[in-house]
Amino acid sequence: MQSLPYSIRCLGFAALVCAGQASHAQSSADLYAGVTTVEVFANMAMQVSSNPNAHYKMSVYRLDAMQGIEAIANKGLPQNEAEAREWVKKNEARIRKETKPLVQSAVAGMLQAKKYKIDRLPAVVVNNRYVVYGYANVDHALMALRAKSQKK
C-alpha cells in the first residue's frame, strides 16, 4: 500500500483538528445555552475566571473587600495623632475616590449573598436561581450544574 503524499496527510490532520475545534465550540455553546446572568461570590484570595467570549452578564463580589478598603485608607497614615489628622485632611478626597467603588461592590455583594443565602465560598449563582458551591471558575461551575441537571 502506498503512503499518502505529505500534503494530503497534513490536510487530513488539519481537518481532524478543525472538526475537534468545531465540536469543542459546539459543546461550549451548549454550556452557555440559556445562561443570561452569572454572579460569583469569592474572597480576595480566590482567582475568579470565566470565558471572555461567553455572552452572559457577569458580576463578581469579593465578600472580604472591606478589609482591602481599610488597608487603602490606612496606607501612609502617620502614627502620631496630630500628624494623622493633618494627613487625613489632605488625603480624604483621594481615599474616598479610591474606596467608593470598593464599598459599593462590597455592600452589594453582601446584600446579594444574603438574598441567595450563600453560606460558603466560592459560590456561583446562575440566572438568579441556581447556586453552585466550590468553583471560582465559571465554566467549571456551569459544567457541574449541567451534570447535576442531567442526573435528574
C-alpha atoms as a PDB file:
ATOM      1  CA  MET A   1       0.000   0.000   0.000  1.00  0.00           C
ATOM      2  CA  GLN A   2       1.361   3.407  -0.944  1.00  0.00           C
ATOM      3  CA  SER A   3       1.768   6.139   1.625  1.00  0.00           C
ATOM      4  CA  LEU A   4      -0.291   9.261   1.054  1.00  0.00           C
ATOM      5  CA  PRO A   5       1.608  12.354  -0.028  1.00  0.00           C
ATOM      6  CA  TYR A   6       2.689  14.625   2.826  1.00  0.00           C
ATOM      7  CA  SER A   7       0.375  17.481   1.771  1.00  0.00           C
ATOM      8  CA  ILE A   8      -2.691  15.210   1.818  1.00  0.00           C
ATOM      9  CA  ARG A   9      -1.731  13.813   5.230  1.00  0.00           C
ATOM     10  CA  CYS A  10      -1.385  17.406   6.545  1.00  0.00           C
ATOM     11  CA  LEU A  11      -4.780  18.323   5.118  1.00  0.00           C
ATOM     12  CA  GLY A  12      -6.303  15.257   6.734  1.00  0.00           C
ATOM     13  CA  PHE A  13      -4.767  16.147  10.079  1.00  0.00           C
ATOM     14  CA  ALA A  14      -5.945  19.761   9.746  1.00  0.00           C
ATOM     15  CA  ALA A  15      -9.482  18.527   9.001  1.00  0.00           C
ATOM     16  CA  LEU A  16      -9.436  16.379  12.141  1.00  0.00           C
ATOM     17  CA  VAL A  17      -8.189  19.286  14.244  1.00  0.00           C
ATOM     18  CA  CYS A  18     -10.836  21.631  12.831  1.00  0.00           C
ATOM     19  CA  ALA A  19     -13.559  19.050  13.452  1.00  0.00           C
ATOM     20  CA  GLY A  20     -12.380  18.749  17.051  1.00  0.00           C
ATOM     21  CA  GLN A  21     -12.397  22.514  17.458  1.00  0.00           C
ATOM     22  CA  ALA A  22     -15.877  22.755  15.964  1.00  0.00           C
ATOM     23  CA  SER A  23     -17.035  20.038  18.348  1.00  0.00           C
ATOM     24  CA  HIS A  24     -15.455  21.919  21.257  1.00  0.00           C
ATOM     25  CA  ALA A  25     -17.086  25.167  20.093  1.00  0.00           C
ATOM     26  CA  GLN A  26     -20.445  23.387  19.914  1.00  0.00           C
ATOM     27  CA  SER A  27     -20.035  21.942  23.419  1.00  0.00           C
ATOM     28  CA  SER A  28     -19.005  25.403  24.687  1.00  0.00           C
ATOM     29  CA  ALA A  29     -22.128  26.879  23.112  1.00  0.00           C
ATOM     30  CA  ASP A  30     -24.177  24.171  24.836  1.00  0.00           C
ATOM     31  CA  LEU A  31     -22.509  25.020  28.134  1.00  0.00           C
ATOM     32  CA  TYR A  32     -23.704  28.630  27.917  1.00  0.00           C
ATOM     33  CA  ALA A  33     -27.143  27.870  26.456  1.00  0.00           C
ATOM     34  CA  GLY A  34     -29.789  29.659  28.494  1.00  0.00           C
ATOM     35  CA  VAL A  35     -27.274  31.385  30.757  1.00  0.00           C
ATOM     36  CA  THR A  36     -28.064  35.094  30.980  1.00  0.00           C
ATOM     37  CA  THR A  37     -26.514  36.124  34.296  1.00  0.00           C
ATOM     38  CA  VAL A  38     -23.702  34.803  36.453  1.00  0.00           C
ATOM     39  CA  GLU A  39     -22.775  36.118  39.887  1.00  0.00           C
ATOM     40  CA  VAL A  40     -19.590  34.911  41.541  1.00  0.00           C
ATOM     41  CA  PHE A  41     -19.072  35.233  45.295  1.00  0.00           C
ATOM     42  CA  ALA A  42     -15.480  34.882  46.422  1.00  0.00           C
ATOM     43  CA  ASN A  43     -12.860  36.362  48.699  1.00  0.00           C
ATOM     44  CA  MET A  44      -9.849  38.403  47.631  1.00  0.00           C
ATOM     45  CA  ALA A  45      -7.558  35.342  47.673  1.00  0.00           C
ATOM     46  CA  MET A  46      -9.652  33.393  45.150  1.00  0.00           C
ATOM     47  CA  GLN A  47      -8.867  33.734  41.465  1.00  0.00           C
ATOM     48  CA  VAL A  48     -12.139  34.052  39.578  1.00  0.00           C
ATOM     49  CA  SER A  49     -12.064  33.042  35.928  1.00  0.00           C
ATOM     50  CA  SER A  50     -14.560  32.924  33.105  1.00  0.00           C
ATOM     51  CA  ASN A  51     -14.664  32.645  29.348  1.00  0.00           C
ATOM     52  CA  PRO A  52     -14.244  36.156  27.929  1.00  0.00           C
ATOM     53  CA  ASN A  53     -16.306  35.122  24.881  1.00  0.00           C
ATOM     54  CA  ALA A  54     -19.342  33.973  26.850  1.00  0.00           C
ATOM     55  CA  HIS A  55     -22.474  36.038  26.297  1.00  0.00           C
ATOM     56  CA  TYR A  56     -23.866  36.499  29.786  1.00  0.00           C
ATOM     57  CA  LYS A  57     -23.830  39.351  32.267  1.00  0.00           C
ATOM     58  CA  MET A  58     -21.290  38.612  34.993  1.00  0.00           C
ATOM     59  CA  SER A  59     -20.774  40.178  38.408  1.00  0.00           C
ATOM     60  CA  VAL A  60     -18.019  39.300  40.855  1.00  0.00           C
ATOM     61  CA  TYR A  61     -18.464  40.068  44.543  1.00  0.00           C
ATOM     62  CA  ARG A  62     -15.499  39.968  46.902  1.00  0.00           C
ATOM     63  CA  LEU A  63     -17.119  39.483  50.271  1.00  0.00           C
ATOM     64  CA  ASP A  64     -13.965  40.406  52.187  1.00  0.00           C
ATOM     65  CA  ALA A  65     -13.449  43.642  50.236  1.00  0.00           C
ATOM     66  CA  MET A  66     -13.969  45.780  53.341  1.00  0.00           C
ATOM     67  CA  GLN A  67     -10.581  44.579  54.620  1.00  0.00           C
ATOM     68  CA  GLY A  68      -8.975  45.916  51.464  1.00  0.00           C
ATOM     69  CA  ILE A  69     -10.737  49.225  51.972  1.00  0.00           C
ATOM     70  CA  GLU A  70      -9.264  49.518  55.445  1.00  0.00           C
ATOM     71  CA  ALA A  71      -5.793  48.858  54.046  1.00  0.00           C
ATOM     72  CA  ILE A  72      -6.227  51.589  51.409  1.00  0.00           C
ATOM     73  CA  ALA A  73      -7.495  54.065  53.998  1.00  0.00           C
ATOM     74  CA  ASN A  74      -4.620  53.364  56.379  1.00  0.00           C
ATOM     75  CA  LYS A  75      -1.831  53.321  53.777  1.00  0.00           C
ATOM     76  CA  GLY A  76       0.643  56.070  54.648  1.00  0.00           C
ATOM     77  CA  LEU A  77      -1.228  57.078  57.807  1.00  0.00           C
ATOM     78  CA  PRO A  78       1.243  58.529  60.346  1.00  0.00           C
ATOM     79  CA  GLN A  79       1.338  57.024  63.839  1.00  0.00           C
ATOM     80  CA  ASN A  80       1.273  60.402  65.593  1.00  0.00           C
ATOM     81  CA  GLU A  81      -2.338  61.552  66.138  1.00  0.00           C
ATOM     82  CA  ALA A  82      -1.759  65.195  65.157  1.00  0.00           C
ATOM     83  CA  GLU A  83       0.096  64.208  62.003  1.00  0.00           C
ATOM     84  CA  ALA A  84      -2.583  61.609  61.237  1.00  0.00           C
ATOM     85  CA  ARG A  85      -5.360  64.236  61.454  1.00  0.00           C
ATOM     86  CA  GLU A  86      -3.472  66.506  59.059  1.00  0.00           C
ATOM     87  CA  TRP A  87      -2.736  63.610  56.708  1.00  0.00           C
ATOM     88  CA  VAL A  88      -6.432  62.629  56.635  1.00  0.00           C
ATOM     89  CA  LYS A  89      -7.444  66.219  55.775  1.00  0.00           C
ATOM     90  CA  LYS A  90      -5.002  66.227  52.847  1.00  0.00           C
ATOM     91  CA  ASN A  91      -5.884  62.742  51.579  1.00  0.00           C
ATOM     92  CA  GLU A  92      -9.599  62.419  52.324  1.00  0.00           C
ATOM     93  CA  ALA A  93     -10.777  63.128  48.751  1.00  0.00           C
ATOM     94  CA  ARG A  94      -8.325  60.611  47.282  1.00  0.00           C
ATOM     95  CA  ILE A  95      -9.268  57.952  49.832  1.00  0.00           C
ATOM     96  CA  ARG A  96     -12.981  58.457  49.157  1.00  0.00           C
ATOM     97  CA  LYS A  97     -12.404  58.245  45.397  1.00  0.00           C
ATOM     98  CA  GLU A  98     -10.375  55.030  45.715  1.00  0.00           C
ATOM     99  CA  THR A  99     -12.647  53.320  48.217  1.00  0.00           C
ATOM    100  CA  LYS A 100     -16.119  54.315  46.997  1.00  0.00           C
ATOM    101  CA  PRO A 101     -16.394  51.652  44.256  1.00  0.00           C
ATOM    102  CA  LEU A 102     -14.988  49.018  46.624  1.00  0.00           C
ATOM    103  CA  VAL A 103     -17.505  49.915  49.333  1.00  0.00           C
ATOM    104  CA  GLN A 104     -20.381  49.850  46.842  1.00  0.00           C
ATOM    105  CA  SER A 105     -19.301  46.467  45.489  1.00  0.00           C
ATOM    106  CA  ALA A 106     -18.765  45.010  48.969  1.00  0.00           C
ATOM    107  CA  VAL A 107     -22.184  46.156  50.177  1.00  0.00           C
ATOM    108  CA  ALA A 108     -23.921  44.935  47.011  1.00  0.00           C
ATOM    109  CA  GLY A 109     -22.153  41.589  47.360  1.00  0.00           C
ATOM    110  CA  MET A 110     -23.185  41.183  50.977  1.00  0.00           C
ATOM    111  CA  LEU A 111     -26.804  42.008  50.107  1.00  0.00           C
ATOM    112  CA  GLN A 112     -26.823  39.554  47.203  1.00  0.00           C
ATOM    113  CA  ALA A 113     -25.160  36.845  49.312  1.00  0.00           C
ATOM    114  CA  LYS A 114     -27.860  37.290  51.938  1.00  0.00           C
ATOM    115  CA  LYS A 115     -30.577  37.158  49.254  1.00  0.00           C
ATOM    116  CA  TYR A 116     -29.240  33.839  47.927  1.00  0.00           C
ATOM    117  CA  LYS A 117     -28.402  32.529  51.418  1.00  0.00           C
ATOM    118  CA  ILE A 118     -24.769  31.954  50.427  1.00  0.00           C
ATOM    119  CA  ASP A 119     -23.142  30.092  53.317  1.00  0.00           C
ATOM    120  CA  ARG A 120     -19.660  29.321  51.917  1.00  0.00           C
ATOM    121  CA  LEU A 121     -17.232  30.441  49.260  1.00  0.00           C
ATOM    122  CA  PRO A 122     -16.699  30.297  46.409  1.00  0.00           C
ATOM    123  CA  ALA A 123     -20.247  30.296  45.091  1.00  0.00           C
ATOM    124  CA  VAL A 124     -21.606  30.887  41.601  1.00  0.00           C
ATOM    125  CA  VAL A 125     -25.231  31.890  41.056  1.00  0.00           C
ATOM    126  CA  VAL A 126     -26.616  31.253  37.579  1.00  0.00           C
ATOM    127  CA  ASN A 127     -29.668  33.115  36.259  1.00  0.00           C
ATOM    128  CA  ASN A 128     -30.518  34.438  39.746  1.00  0.00           C
ATOM    129  CA  ARG A 129     -31.675  30.943  40.636  1.00  0.00           C
ATOM    130  CA  TYR A 130     -29.099  28.161  40.790  1.00  0.00           C
ATOM    131  CA  VAL A 131     -26.275  28.206  43.358  1.00  0.00           C
ATOM    132  CA  VAL A 132     -23.165  26.114  42.746  1.00  0.00           C
ATOM    133  CA  TYR A 133     -20.575  25.909  45.529  1.00  0.00           C
ATOM    134  CA  GLY A 134     -16.882  25.121  45.297  1.00  0.00           C
ATOM    135  CA  TYR A 135     -15.952  26.748  41.991  1.00  0.00           C
ATOM    136  CA  ALA A 136     -14.319  30.106  41.259  1.00  0.00           C
ATOM    137  CA  ASN A 137     -14.077  29.113  37.580  1.00  0.00           C
ATOM    138  CA  VAL A 138     -17.430  29.895  35.947  1.00  0.00           C
ATOM    139  CA  ASP A 139     -17.085  27.222  33.237  1.00  0.00           C
ATOM    140  CA  HIS A 140     -16.446  24.547  35.873  1.00  0.00           C
ATOM    141  CA  ALA A 141     -19.472  25.719  37.851  1.00  0.00           C
ATOM    142  CA  LEU A 142     -21.639  25.576  34.718  1.00  0.00           C
ATOM    143  CA  MET A 143     -20.359  22.073  33.922  1.00  0.00           C
ATOM    144  CA  ALA A 144     -21.210  20.937  37.462  1.00  0.00           C
ATOM    145  CA  LEU A 145     -24.669  22.489  37.172  1.00  0.00           C
ATOM    146  CA  ARG A 146     -25.278  20.816  33.793  1.00  0.00           C
ATOM    147  CA  ALA A 147     -24.066  17.458  35.137  1.00  0.00           C
ATOM    148  CA  LYS A 148     -26.374  17.753  38.147  1.00  0.00           C
ATOM    149  CA  SER A 149     -29.386  18.686  35.997  1.00  0.00           C
ATOM    150  CA  GLN A 150     -28.718  15.745  33.624  1.00  0.00           C
ATOM    151  CA  LYS A 151     -28.802  13.304  36.562  1.00  0.00           C
ATOM    152  CA  LYS A 152     -32.348  14.355  37.410  1.00  0.00           C
END
